[in-house]
Amino acid sequence: MLQEFLTMNDFTPPAAAPRPLLIIDDDATFVRVLARAMGSRGFEAITATNIDEARMLARRHQPRYCVLDLKLGEENGLRLIPELQALVPDMRVLLLTGYASIATAVEAIKRGAHDYLAKPVDADAVVRALLDGDGPAPDDDDVPDAPEAPLALRRLEWEHIQRVLTECDGNISETARRLGMHRRTLQRKLSKHPVRERPESED
C-alpha cells in the first residue's frame, strides 16, 4: 500500500498539448524560422507556401491558430480568410504584412482576422497576438514583453470610421455607405464609443 501511495504521489501531469498552428507565407525561409520559433513556444506548426496547400492543410488538420501573410505570390491573403474560417469556424487568424495600412487592417477585420501585425515580426509578439483574449494569458516568464507593435486592428478600424464619419459631417447613413457596411452594423460599432449623430437632411 505504501508503495502504491508513493507511486500515485510521484505522478507528474502530462505537459499541455501543443497548440495547432498553420503558417501561410510564400517566403520559405521565413516560414521555416517562424515555425521553429513557434514550436519552442508551445505551438505545433504546419506550414504552407501557397493557397492550395493552405486549404488542404486547414481541412486536414483543423488548426486553431493561423499566421497568414497578406501577399502570397500573385494572390491576396485577405481572400483566404473567409475560406479558412469556413473550414475551421473557430480559427484565429493573424494577418502579417510588409507595411502597415489602415485600409488593409479594416478589410482584414471585416473578413474575420483576429489581429494584424506588420513585418518584421517578433515571435513573442505573434504569440501574444494569437492568444490575446483566448483563455488564460501566457505566463509572463514564458513569453517576454513584445516590442511595441502597430495599432491593433480594432483601434485602426475605429480611427478609420471616425475619419469617414467626420468627412460625412456625422451622417451615419452616408458613412455606412462609404465604408461598405450596413447602417445597423455601423451604429453597433459606434455604440461602444458613443458619438453624437447630427440630424440627417431629408432628400
N, C-alpha and C. Protein backbone atom coordinates (compact mmCIF):
# COMPACT_ATOMS: atom_id res chain seq x y z
N MET A 1 0.83 -1.21 0.00
CA MET A 1 0.00 0.00 0.00
C MET A 1 0.86 1.26 0.00
N LEU A 2 1.94 1.24 0.81
CA LEU A 2 2.82 2.39 0.87
C LEU A 2 3.45 2.66 -0.49
N GLN A 3 3.85 1.56 -1.17
CA GLN A 3 4.46 1.72 -2.49
C GLN A 3 3.47 2.32 -3.48
N GLU A 4 2.19 1.86 -3.39
CA GLU A 4 1.17 2.41 -4.28
C GLU A 4 0.96 3.89 -4.01
N PHE A 5 0.96 4.27 -2.70
CA PHE A 5 0.76 5.67 -2.33
C PHE A 5 1.89 6.53 -2.88
N LEU A 6 3.13 6.04 -2.73
CA LEU A 6 4.27 6.80 -3.23
C LEU A 6 4.21 6.93 -4.74
N THR A 7 3.81 5.85 -5.41
CA THR A 7 3.72 5.88 -6.86
C THR A 7 2.69 6.90 -7.32
N MET A 8 1.53 6.91 -6.64
CA MET A 8 0.47 7.85 -7.01
C MET A 8 0.92 9.29 -6.81
N ASN A 9 1.66 9.55 -5.72
CA ASN A 9 2.06 10.92 -5.43
C ASN A 9 3.26 11.36 -6.24
N ASP A 10 3.94 10.39 -6.86
CA ASP A 10 5.05 10.74 -7.74
C ASP A 10 4.58 11.05 -9.14
N PHE A 11 3.26 10.91 -9.38
CA PHE A 11 2.72 11.12 -10.73
C PHE A 11 2.91 12.56 -11.16
N THR A 12 3.44 12.74 -12.36
CA THR A 12 3.62 14.08 -12.93
C THR A 12 2.62 14.27 -14.05
N PRO A 13 1.76 15.30 -13.96
CA PRO A 13 0.76 15.52 -15.02
C PRO A 13 1.45 15.71 -16.36
N PRO A 14 0.83 15.21 -17.42
CA PRO A 14 1.43 15.37 -18.75
C PRO A 14 1.47 16.84 -19.16
N ALA A 15 2.44 17.18 -19.96
CA ALA A 15 2.55 18.56 -20.44
C ALA A 15 1.35 18.91 -21.32
N ALA A 16 1.01 20.19 -21.34
CA ALA A 16 -0.11 20.63 -22.16
C ALA A 16 0.16 20.31 -23.63
N ALA A 17 -0.90 19.93 -24.32
CA ALA A 17 -0.75 19.58 -25.74
C ALA A 17 -0.36 20.83 -26.53
N PRO A 18 0.51 20.67 -27.53
CA PRO A 18 0.89 21.82 -28.36
C PRO A 18 -0.32 22.42 -29.05
N ARG A 19 -0.30 23.72 -29.23
CA ARG A 19 -1.39 24.40 -29.92
C ARG A 19 -1.18 24.28 -31.42
N PRO A 20 -2.17 23.76 -32.16
CA PRO A 20 -2.01 23.60 -33.61
C PRO A 20 -2.01 24.95 -34.32
N LEU A 21 -1.00 25.18 -35.14
CA LEU A 21 -0.82 26.46 -35.82
C LEU A 21 -0.49 26.24 -37.30
N LEU A 22 -1.22 26.93 -38.16
CA LEU A 22 -0.95 26.89 -39.60
C LEU A 22 -0.27 28.21 -39.98
N ILE A 23 0.93 28.11 -40.56
CA ILE A 23 1.67 29.28 -41.02
C ILE A 23 1.63 29.30 -42.55
N ILE A 24 1.14 30.41 -43.11
CA ILE A 24 0.99 30.52 -44.57
C ILE A 24 1.78 31.73 -45.06
N ASP A 25 2.84 31.47 -45.81
CA ASP A 25 3.68 32.55 -46.33
C ASP A 25 4.47 31.99 -47.50
N ASP A 26 4.64 32.79 -48.55
CA ASP A 26 5.36 32.28 -49.72
C ASP A 26 6.87 32.39 -49.58
N ASP A 27 7.34 32.93 -48.45
CA ASP A 27 8.77 33.03 -48.16
C ASP A 27 9.16 31.79 -47.34
N ALA A 28 9.76 30.80 -48.00
CA ALA A 28 10.07 29.53 -47.35
C ALA A 28 11.01 29.70 -46.17
N THR A 29 11.96 30.61 -46.27
CA THR A 29 12.91 30.82 -45.18
C THR A 29 12.19 31.40 -43.96
N PHE A 30 11.34 32.39 -44.18
CA PHE A 30 10.58 32.99 -43.09
C PHE A 30 9.69 31.94 -42.42
N VAL A 31 9.04 31.12 -43.23
CA VAL A 31 8.16 30.07 -42.70
C VAL A 31 8.95 29.11 -41.81
N ARG A 32 10.11 28.70 -42.28
CA ARG A 32 10.92 27.74 -41.52
C ARG A 32 11.37 28.33 -40.18
N VAL A 33 11.83 29.58 -40.21
CA VAL A 33 12.31 30.23 -38.99
C VAL A 33 11.17 30.45 -38.00
N LEU A 34 10.02 30.94 -38.49
CA LEU A 34 8.88 31.20 -37.60
C LEU A 34 8.33 29.89 -37.03
N ALA A 35 8.28 28.85 -37.85
CA ALA A 35 7.77 27.56 -37.38
C ALA A 35 8.63 27.02 -36.24
N ARG A 36 9.95 27.16 -36.38
CA ARG A 36 10.85 26.69 -35.33
C ARG A 36 10.67 27.52 -34.05
N ALA A 37 10.54 28.84 -34.22
CA ALA A 37 10.36 29.71 -33.06
C ALA A 37 9.04 29.43 -32.35
N MET A 38 7.98 29.21 -33.11
CA MET A 38 6.68 28.95 -32.51
C MET A 38 6.64 27.57 -31.87
N GLY A 39 7.40 26.63 -32.43
CA GLY A 39 7.47 25.31 -31.84
C GLY A 39 8.07 25.34 -30.45
N SER A 40 9.01 26.24 -30.22
CA SER A 40 9.63 26.36 -28.90
C SER A 40 8.75 27.15 -27.93
N ARG A 41 7.62 27.65 -28.43
CA ARG A 41 6.70 28.44 -27.59
C ARG A 41 5.36 27.74 -27.41
N GLY A 42 5.34 26.43 -27.59
CA GLY A 42 4.14 25.66 -27.29
C GLY A 42 3.18 25.46 -28.44
N PHE A 43 3.61 25.74 -29.67
CA PHE A 43 2.76 25.53 -30.83
C PHE A 43 3.28 24.37 -31.67
N GLU A 44 2.37 23.68 -32.32
CA GLU A 44 2.73 22.63 -33.27
C GLU A 44 2.46 23.19 -34.67
N ALA A 45 3.51 23.64 -35.34
CA ALA A 45 3.35 24.37 -36.59
C ALA A 45 3.32 23.44 -37.80
N ILE A 46 2.36 23.71 -38.68
CA ILE A 46 2.35 23.13 -40.02
C ILE A 46 2.42 24.30 -40.98
N THR A 47 3.05 24.12 -42.12
CA THR A 47 3.34 25.26 -42.98
C THR A 47 2.85 25.07 -44.41
N ALA A 48 2.50 26.19 -45.02
CA ALA A 48 2.07 26.20 -46.41
C ALA A 48 2.68 27.42 -47.08
N THR A 49 3.03 27.28 -48.35
CA THR A 49 3.61 28.41 -49.09
C THR A 49 2.72 28.89 -50.21
N ASN A 50 1.51 28.30 -50.32
CA ASN A 50 0.57 28.78 -51.33
C ASN A 50 -0.85 28.49 -50.85
N ILE A 51 -1.82 29.08 -51.53
CA ILE A 51 -3.21 29.00 -51.10
C ILE A 51 -3.77 27.58 -51.18
N ASP A 52 -3.47 26.86 -52.25
CA ASP A 52 -3.99 25.50 -52.39
C ASP A 52 -3.50 24.59 -51.26
N GLU A 53 -2.22 24.71 -50.95
CA GLU A 53 -1.65 23.91 -49.86
C GLU A 53 -2.27 24.30 -48.53
N ALA A 54 -2.52 25.60 -48.35
CA ALA A 54 -3.12 26.08 -47.10
C ALA A 54 -4.52 25.50 -46.92
N ARG A 55 -5.31 25.50 -47.98
CA ARG A 55 -6.66 24.93 -47.90
C ARG A 55 -6.61 23.46 -47.50
N MET A 56 -5.72 22.72 -48.14
CA MET A 56 -5.61 21.29 -47.88
C MET A 56 -5.22 21.02 -46.42
N LEU A 57 -4.22 21.76 -45.92
CA LEU A 57 -3.75 21.54 -44.56
C LEU A 57 -4.79 21.98 -43.53
N ALA A 58 -5.51 23.06 -43.82
CA ALA A 58 -6.56 23.51 -42.90
C ALA A 58 -7.66 22.46 -42.80
N ARG A 59 -8.02 21.89 -43.94
CA ARG A 59 -9.07 20.87 -43.96
C ARG A 59 -8.62 19.61 -43.22
N ARG A 60 -7.37 19.25 -43.38
CA ARG A 60 -6.86 18.00 -42.80
C ARG A 60 -6.59 18.13 -41.31
N HIS A 61 -5.97 19.25 -40.89
CA HIS A 61 -5.51 19.37 -39.51
C HIS A 61 -6.41 20.20 -38.60
N GLN A 62 -7.32 20.99 -39.17
CA GLN A 62 -8.24 21.82 -38.37
C GLN A 62 -7.50 22.64 -37.31
N PRO A 63 -6.51 23.43 -37.70
CA PRO A 63 -5.73 24.19 -36.71
C PRO A 63 -6.55 25.29 -36.05
N ARG A 64 -6.29 25.50 -34.78
CA ARG A 64 -6.98 26.55 -34.03
C ARG A 64 -6.43 27.93 -34.37
N TYR A 65 -5.13 27.98 -34.73
CA TYR A 65 -4.45 29.26 -34.97
C TYR A 65 -3.85 29.29 -36.37
N CYS A 66 -3.75 30.51 -36.90
CA CYS A 66 -3.19 30.68 -38.24
C CYS A 66 -2.44 32.01 -38.33
N VAL A 67 -1.24 31.96 -38.90
CA VAL A 67 -0.49 33.16 -39.24
C VAL A 67 -0.48 33.24 -40.77
N LEU A 68 -1.05 34.30 -41.31
CA LEU A 68 -1.27 34.41 -42.75
C LEU A 68 -0.62 35.68 -43.30
N ASP A 69 0.19 35.52 -44.34
CA ASP A 69 0.81 36.68 -44.97
C ASP A 69 -0.17 37.32 -45.95
N LEU A 70 -0.12 38.64 -46.04
CA LEU A 70 -1.02 39.36 -46.93
C LEU A 70 -0.76 39.01 -48.39
N LYS A 71 0.52 38.95 -48.77
CA LYS A 71 0.89 38.68 -50.16
C LYS A 71 1.39 37.25 -50.30
N LEU A 72 0.70 36.47 -51.12
CA LEU A 72 1.10 35.09 -51.39
C LEU A 72 1.34 34.96 -52.88
N GLY A 73 2.52 35.39 -53.31
CA GLY A 73 2.80 35.42 -54.74
C GLY A 73 1.90 36.45 -55.40
N GLU A 74 1.11 36.00 -56.37
CA GLU A 74 0.17 36.88 -57.05
C GLU A 74 -1.17 36.95 -56.34
N GLU A 75 -1.34 36.14 -55.29
CA GLU A 75 -2.61 36.07 -54.57
C GLU A 75 -2.62 37.02 -53.38
N ASN A 76 -3.83 37.39 -52.96
CA ASN A 76 -4.01 38.25 -51.80
C ASN A 76 -4.52 37.40 -50.63
N GLY A 77 -3.77 37.41 -49.53
CA GLY A 77 -4.14 36.60 -48.38
C GLY A 77 -5.49 36.95 -47.79
N LEU A 78 -5.95 38.18 -47.98
CA LEU A 78 -7.25 38.59 -47.45
C LEU A 78 -8.37 37.68 -47.98
N ARG A 79 -8.25 37.28 -49.22
CA ARG A 79 -9.29 36.45 -49.84
C ARG A 79 -9.38 35.07 -49.20
N LEU A 80 -8.30 34.66 -48.55
CA LEU A 80 -8.26 33.32 -47.97
C LEU A 80 -8.90 33.25 -46.58
N ILE A 81 -9.00 34.39 -45.90
CA ILE A 81 -9.51 34.38 -44.52
C ILE A 81 -10.90 33.76 -44.40
N PRO A 82 -11.90 34.19 -45.19
CA PRO A 82 -13.23 33.57 -45.06
C PRO A 82 -13.22 32.08 -45.39
N GLU A 83 -12.39 31.67 -46.35
CA GLU A 83 -12.32 30.25 -46.70
C GLU A 83 -11.78 29.43 -45.54
N LEU A 84 -10.73 29.93 -44.90
CA LEU A 84 -10.14 29.21 -43.78
C LEU A 84 -11.14 29.09 -42.63
N GLN A 85 -11.87 30.16 -42.37
CA GLN A 85 -12.80 30.13 -41.25
C GLN A 85 -14.06 29.33 -41.58
N ALA A 86 -14.33 29.14 -42.86
CA ALA A 86 -15.41 28.23 -43.24
C ALA A 86 -15.00 26.79 -42.97
N LEU A 87 -13.71 26.50 -43.16
CA LEU A 87 -13.19 25.16 -42.90
C LEU A 87 -13.01 24.91 -41.41
N VAL A 88 -12.57 25.95 -40.68
CA VAL A 88 -12.34 25.85 -39.23
C VAL A 88 -13.00 27.08 -38.58
N PRO A 89 -14.26 26.98 -38.20
CA PRO A 89 -15.01 28.15 -37.74
C PRO A 89 -14.40 28.92 -36.58
N ASP A 90 -13.67 28.24 -35.68
CA ASP A 90 -13.11 28.95 -34.53
C ASP A 90 -11.64 29.32 -34.73
N MET A 91 -11.16 29.27 -35.97
CA MET A 91 -9.77 29.61 -36.24
C MET A 91 -9.50 31.08 -35.95
N ARG A 92 -8.36 31.35 -35.29
CA ARG A 92 -7.93 32.72 -35.02
C ARG A 92 -6.83 33.06 -36.01
N VAL A 93 -7.10 34.00 -36.90
CA VAL A 93 -6.17 34.34 -37.98
C VAL A 93 -5.43 35.64 -37.65
N LEU A 94 -4.11 35.56 -37.69
CA LEU A 94 -3.26 36.74 -37.53
C LEU A 94 -2.69 37.09 -38.89
N LEU A 95 -3.00 38.28 -39.38
CA LEU A 95 -2.53 38.70 -40.71
C LEU A 95 -1.20 39.43 -40.58
N LEU A 96 -0.24 39.05 -41.42
CA LEU A 96 1.06 39.72 -41.46
C LEU A 96 1.20 40.45 -42.79
N THR A 97 1.85 41.61 -42.76
CA THR A 97 2.09 42.33 -44.00
C THR A 97 3.39 43.11 -43.89
N GLY A 98 3.97 43.40 -45.04
CA GLY A 98 5.23 44.12 -45.06
C GLY A 98 5.07 45.61 -44.81
N TYR A 99 3.84 46.09 -44.75
CA TYR A 99 3.61 47.51 -44.49
C TYR A 99 2.28 47.67 -43.75
N ALA A 100 2.22 48.68 -42.90
CA ALA A 100 1.00 48.93 -42.13
C ALA A 100 0.07 49.82 -42.93
N SER A 101 -1.19 49.43 -43.02
CA SER A 101 -2.17 50.19 -43.78
C SER A 101 -3.51 50.13 -43.06
N ILE A 102 -4.09 51.28 -42.78
CA ILE A 102 -5.40 51.31 -42.12
C ILE A 102 -6.44 50.61 -42.98
N ALA A 103 -6.42 50.88 -44.28
CA ALA A 103 -7.40 50.27 -45.17
C ALA A 103 -7.30 48.75 -45.15
N THR A 104 -6.06 48.24 -45.20
CA THR A 104 -5.86 46.80 -45.17
C THR A 104 -6.31 46.21 -43.84
N ALA A 105 -6.00 46.90 -42.75
CA ALA A 105 -6.39 46.42 -41.42
C ALA A 105 -7.90 46.34 -41.29
N VAL A 106 -8.59 47.38 -41.75
CA VAL A 106 -10.05 47.39 -41.67
C VAL A 106 -10.64 46.26 -42.51
N GLU A 107 -10.10 46.07 -43.70
CA GLU A 107 -10.60 45.00 -44.57
C GLU A 107 -10.34 43.63 -43.94
N ALA A 108 -9.19 43.48 -43.30
CA ALA A 108 -8.85 42.20 -42.66
C ALA A 108 -9.83 41.86 -41.55
N ILE A 109 -10.16 42.83 -40.71
CA ILE A 109 -11.06 42.55 -39.60
C ILE A 109 -12.48 42.32 -40.11
N LYS A 110 -12.87 42.99 -41.18
CA LYS A 110 -14.19 42.76 -41.77
C LYS A 110 -14.30 41.33 -42.29
N ARG A 111 -13.18 40.80 -42.76
CA ARG A 111 -13.19 39.43 -43.31
C ARG A 111 -12.99 38.37 -42.24
N GLY A 112 -12.72 38.80 -41.00
CA GLY A 112 -12.66 37.83 -39.91
C GLY A 112 -11.32 37.64 -39.24
N ALA A 113 -10.30 38.44 -39.60
CA ALA A 113 -9.00 38.31 -38.94
C ALA A 113 -9.11 38.71 -37.47
N HIS A 114 -8.31 38.05 -36.63
CA HIS A 114 -8.31 38.36 -35.20
C HIS A 114 -7.40 39.55 -34.90
N ASP A 115 -6.29 39.63 -35.60
CA ASP A 115 -5.35 40.73 -35.36
C ASP A 115 -4.45 40.90 -36.58
N TYR A 116 -3.55 41.88 -36.49
CA TYR A 116 -2.78 42.33 -37.64
C TYR A 116 -1.43 42.83 -37.14
N LEU A 117 -0.34 42.36 -37.75
CA LEU A 117 0.99 42.83 -37.41
C LEU A 117 1.77 43.13 -38.68
N ALA A 118 2.65 44.12 -38.60
CA ALA A 118 3.50 44.45 -39.74
C ALA A 118 4.85 43.78 -39.58
N LYS A 119 5.39 43.27 -40.68
CA LYS A 119 6.73 42.68 -40.66
C LYS A 119 7.77 43.80 -40.58
N PRO A 120 8.95 43.51 -40.02
CA PRO A 120 9.34 42.23 -39.41
C PRO A 120 8.66 42.03 -38.07
N VAL A 121 8.35 40.77 -37.75
CA VAL A 121 7.65 40.48 -36.51
C VAL A 121 8.53 39.69 -35.56
N ASP A 122 8.28 39.87 -34.29
CA ASP A 122 8.95 39.11 -33.24
C ASP A 122 8.05 37.93 -32.88
N ALA A 123 8.63 36.75 -32.69
CA ALA A 123 7.83 35.56 -32.40
C ALA A 123 6.98 35.74 -31.15
N ASP A 124 7.50 36.45 -30.16
CA ASP A 124 6.72 36.67 -28.93
C ASP A 124 5.52 37.57 -29.19
N ALA A 125 5.68 38.53 -30.11
CA ALA A 125 4.55 39.38 -30.48
C ALA A 125 3.48 38.56 -31.19
N VAL A 126 3.90 37.60 -32.00
CA VAL A 126 2.96 36.71 -32.69
C VAL A 126 2.19 35.88 -31.67
N VAL A 127 2.89 35.34 -30.67
CA VAL A 127 2.24 34.54 -29.63
C VAL A 127 1.19 35.37 -28.91
N ARG A 128 1.56 36.57 -28.51
CA ARG A 128 0.62 37.41 -27.77
C ARG A 128 -0.59 37.78 -28.62
N ALA A 129 -0.37 38.06 -29.88
CA ALA A 129 -1.48 38.42 -30.76
C ALA A 129 -2.43 37.24 -30.95
N LEU A 130 -1.88 36.04 -31.10
CA LEU A 130 -2.72 34.85 -31.30
C LEU A 130 -3.51 34.49 -30.05
N LEU A 131 -2.90 34.66 -28.88
CA LEU A 131 -3.54 34.23 -27.64
C LEU A 131 -4.34 35.33 -26.96
N ASP A 132 -4.27 36.54 -27.46
CA ASP A 132 -4.99 37.66 -26.85
C ASP A 132 -6.48 37.36 -26.76
N GLY A 133 -6.99 37.31 -25.52
CA GLY A 133 -8.41 37.06 -25.32
C GLY A 133 -8.82 35.62 -25.50
N ASP A 134 -7.86 34.72 -25.67
CA ASP A 134 -8.18 33.31 -25.91
C ASP A 134 -7.83 32.49 -24.68
N GLY A 135 -8.61 32.64 -23.61
CA GLY A 135 -8.36 31.91 -22.39
C GLY A 135 -7.30 32.60 -21.56
N PRO A 136 -6.71 31.89 -20.58
CA PRO A 136 -5.71 32.49 -19.69
C PRO A 136 -4.53 33.04 -20.47
N ALA A 137 -4.04 34.18 -20.05
CA ALA A 137 -2.89 34.78 -20.72
C ALA A 137 -1.66 33.93 -20.46
N PRO A 138 -0.72 33.89 -21.40
CA PRO A 138 0.51 33.12 -21.18
C PRO A 138 1.30 33.68 -20.02
N ASP A 139 2.04 32.80 -19.34
CA ASP A 139 2.86 33.21 -18.21
C ASP A 139 3.91 34.22 -18.68
N ASP A 140 4.04 35.32 -17.93
CA ASP A 140 4.99 36.36 -18.32
C ASP A 140 6.42 35.85 -18.34
N ASP A 141 6.69 34.78 -17.54
CA ASP A 141 8.04 34.22 -17.54
C ASP A 141 8.31 33.45 -18.81
N ASP A 142 7.24 32.93 -19.43
CA ASP A 142 7.40 32.14 -20.64
C ASP A 142 7.48 33.00 -21.89
N VAL A 143 6.74 34.11 -21.88
CA VAL A 143 6.71 34.98 -23.06
C VAL A 143 7.10 36.39 -22.65
N PRO A 144 8.28 36.85 -23.01
CA PRO A 144 8.71 38.19 -22.65
C PRO A 144 7.84 39.24 -23.31
N ASP A 145 7.87 40.45 -22.76
CA ASP A 145 7.12 41.54 -23.35
C ASP A 145 7.57 41.76 -24.79
N ALA A 146 6.59 41.88 -25.68
CA ALA A 146 6.91 42.10 -27.09
C ALA A 146 7.20 43.57 -27.32
N PRO A 147 8.00 43.88 -28.34
CA PRO A 147 8.23 45.28 -28.67
C PRO A 147 6.94 45.92 -29.13
N GLU A 148 6.90 47.24 -29.07
CA GLU A 148 5.68 47.95 -29.46
C GLU A 148 5.31 47.60 -30.89
N ALA A 149 4.06 47.20 -31.09
CA ALA A 149 3.59 46.75 -32.40
C ALA A 149 2.69 47.80 -33.02
N PRO A 150 2.37 47.65 -34.32
CA PRO A 150 1.44 48.58 -34.95
C PRO A 150 0.09 48.56 -34.24
N LEU A 151 -0.71 49.56 -34.49
CA LEU A 151 -2.02 49.66 -33.85
C LEU A 151 -2.82 48.39 -34.07
N ALA A 152 -3.55 47.98 -33.02
CA ALA A 152 -4.40 46.80 -33.13
C ALA A 152 -5.48 47.05 -34.16
N LEU A 153 -5.97 45.96 -34.72
CA LEU A 153 -6.98 46.07 -35.77
C LEU A 153 -8.18 46.90 -35.36
N ARG A 154 -8.72 46.63 -34.18
CA ARG A 154 -9.95 47.31 -33.79
C ARG A 154 -9.72 48.80 -33.59
N ARG A 155 -8.54 49.16 -33.12
CA ARG A 155 -8.25 50.58 -32.96
C ARG A 155 -8.10 51.25 -34.33
N LEU A 156 -7.43 50.56 -35.25
CA LEU A 156 -7.29 51.09 -36.60
C LEU A 156 -8.66 51.27 -37.26
N GLU A 157 -9.51 50.26 -37.08
CA GLU A 157 -10.85 50.35 -37.66
C GLU A 157 -11.62 51.52 -37.06
N TRP A 158 -11.51 51.68 -35.73
CA TRP A 158 -12.23 52.76 -35.06
C TRP A 158 -11.77 54.12 -35.59
N GLU A 159 -10.46 54.30 -35.75
CA GLU A 159 -9.94 55.57 -36.24
C GLU A 159 -10.39 55.83 -37.67
N HIS A 160 -10.44 54.77 -38.47
CA HIS A 160 -10.89 54.91 -39.86
C HIS A 160 -12.37 55.32 -39.90
N ILE A 161 -13.18 54.68 -39.07
CA ILE A 161 -14.61 55.02 -39.01
C ILE A 161 -14.79 56.47 -38.59
N GLN A 162 -14.02 56.88 -37.60
CA GLN A 162 -14.16 58.26 -37.11
C GLN A 162 -13.76 59.27 -38.19
N ARG A 163 -12.74 58.95 -38.97
CA ARG A 163 -12.31 59.87 -40.02
C ARG A 163 -13.40 60.01 -41.09
N VAL A 164 -13.96 58.87 -41.50
CA VAL A 164 -15.01 58.91 -42.52
C VAL A 164 -16.26 59.59 -41.97
N LEU A 165 -16.58 59.33 -40.70
CA LEU A 165 -17.74 59.96 -40.07
C LEU A 165 -17.58 61.48 -40.05
N THR A 166 -16.38 61.93 -39.77
CA THR A 166 -16.11 63.37 -39.76
C THR A 166 -16.26 63.96 -41.16
N GLU A 167 -15.74 63.23 -42.16
CA GLU A 167 -15.86 63.69 -43.54
C GLU A 167 -17.31 63.80 -43.98
N CYS A 168 -18.17 62.97 -43.37
CA CYS A 168 -19.60 62.97 -43.72
C CYS A 168 -20.41 63.84 -42.78
N ASP A 169 -19.74 64.69 -42.00
CA ASP A 169 -20.42 65.60 -41.07
C ASP A 169 -21.35 64.87 -40.12
N GLY A 170 -20.95 63.69 -39.68
CA GLY A 170 -21.74 62.95 -38.70
C GLY A 170 -22.93 62.21 -39.27
N ASN A 171 -23.06 62.17 -40.59
CA ASN A 171 -24.19 61.47 -41.22
C ASN A 171 -23.91 59.97 -41.22
N ILE A 172 -24.68 59.22 -40.40
CA ILE A 172 -24.45 57.79 -40.23
C ILE A 172 -24.69 57.01 -41.52
N SER A 173 -25.78 57.33 -42.21
CA SER A 173 -26.11 56.59 -43.43
C SER A 173 -25.04 56.75 -44.50
N GLU A 174 -24.57 57.97 -44.69
CA GLU A 174 -23.54 58.22 -45.70
C GLU A 174 -22.22 57.57 -45.30
N THR A 175 -21.91 57.61 -44.00
CA THR A 175 -20.69 56.97 -43.52
C THR A 175 -20.74 55.47 -43.77
N ALA A 176 -21.88 54.85 -43.46
CA ALA A 176 -22.04 53.41 -43.68
C ALA A 176 -21.89 53.08 -45.16
N ARG A 177 -22.46 53.93 -46.02
CA ARG A 177 -22.36 53.68 -47.46
C ARG A 177 -20.90 53.71 -47.92
N ARG A 178 -20.15 54.71 -47.46
CA ARG A 178 -18.75 54.83 -47.86
C ARG A 178 -17.90 53.69 -47.32
N LEU A 179 -18.25 53.22 -46.12
CA LEU A 179 -17.48 52.13 -45.51
C LEU A 179 -17.87 50.76 -46.05
N GLY A 180 -18.99 50.72 -46.78
CA GLY A 180 -19.45 49.46 -47.34
C GLY A 180 -20.03 48.52 -46.30
N MET A 181 -20.66 49.08 -45.26
CA MET A 181 -21.27 48.23 -44.25
C MET A 181 -22.71 48.68 -44.01
N HIS A 182 -23.50 47.80 -43.41
CA HIS A 182 -24.90 48.12 -43.12
C HIS A 182 -24.97 49.20 -42.04
N ARG A 183 -25.99 50.06 -42.14
CA ARG A 183 -26.14 51.15 -41.18
C ARG A 183 -26.21 50.63 -39.74
N ARG A 184 -26.94 49.53 -39.53
CA ARG A 184 -27.07 48.98 -38.18
C ARG A 184 -25.73 48.47 -37.65
N THR A 185 -24.93 47.90 -38.56
CA THR A 185 -23.60 47.43 -38.15
C THR A 185 -22.75 48.59 -37.68
N LEU A 186 -22.80 49.69 -38.43
CA LEU A 186 -22.04 50.88 -38.04
C LEU A 186 -22.54 51.43 -36.71
N GLN A 187 -23.85 51.50 -36.54
CA GLN A 187 -24.41 52.01 -35.29
C GLN A 187 -23.97 51.15 -34.10
N ARG A 188 -23.91 49.84 -34.31
CA ARG A 188 -23.49 48.94 -33.24
C ARG A 188 -22.03 49.21 -32.85
N LYS A 189 -21.19 49.43 -33.86
CA LYS A 189 -19.78 49.73 -33.58
C LYS A 189 -19.65 51.07 -32.85
N LEU A 190 -20.42 52.05 -33.29
CA LEU A 190 -20.34 53.37 -32.67
C LEU A 190 -20.91 53.37 -31.26
N SER A 191 -21.85 52.46 -30.98
CA SER A 191 -22.46 52.44 -29.65
C SER A 191 -21.46 52.06 -28.57
N LYS A 192 -20.37 51.41 -28.97
CA LYS A 192 -19.34 51.04 -28.00
C LYS A 192 -18.54 52.27 -27.58
N HIS A 193 -18.51 53.27 -28.44
CA HIS A 193 -17.85 54.55 -28.16
C HIS A 193 -18.80 55.64 -28.63
N PRO A 194 -19.83 55.99 -27.85
CA PRO A 194 -20.91 56.86 -28.33
C PRO A 194 -20.41 58.17 -28.92
N VAL A 195 -21.04 58.55 -30.02
CA VAL A 195 -20.80 59.85 -30.64
C VAL A 195 -22.14 60.49 -30.91
N ARG A 196 -22.15 61.79 -30.99
CA ARG A 196 -23.39 62.49 -31.26
C ARG A 196 -23.65 62.51 -32.76
N GLU A 197 -24.78 61.96 -33.15
CA GLU A 197 -25.14 61.93 -34.56
C GLU A 197 -25.89 63.19 -34.93
N ARG A 198 -25.45 63.84 -35.98
CA ARG A 198 -26.14 65.04 -36.43
C ARG A 198 -27.39 64.65 -37.20
N PRO A 199 -28.42 65.49 -37.16
CA PRO A 199 -29.64 65.19 -37.92
C PRO A 199 -29.31 65.06 -39.40
N GLU A 200 -29.91 64.07 -40.03
CA GLU A 200 -29.65 63.84 -41.44
C GLU A 200 -30.67 64.62 -42.27
N SER A 201 -30.18 65.29 -43.28
CA SER A 201 -31.07 66.09 -44.12
C SER A 201 -31.94 65.18 -44.97
N GLU A 202 -33.16 65.58 -45.17
CA GLU A 202 -34.07 64.80 -45.99
C GLU A 202 -33.88 65.17 -47.45
N ASP A 203 -33.92 64.14 -48.30
CA ASP A 203 -33.78 64.40 -49.74
C ASP A 203 -35.07 64.98 -50.29
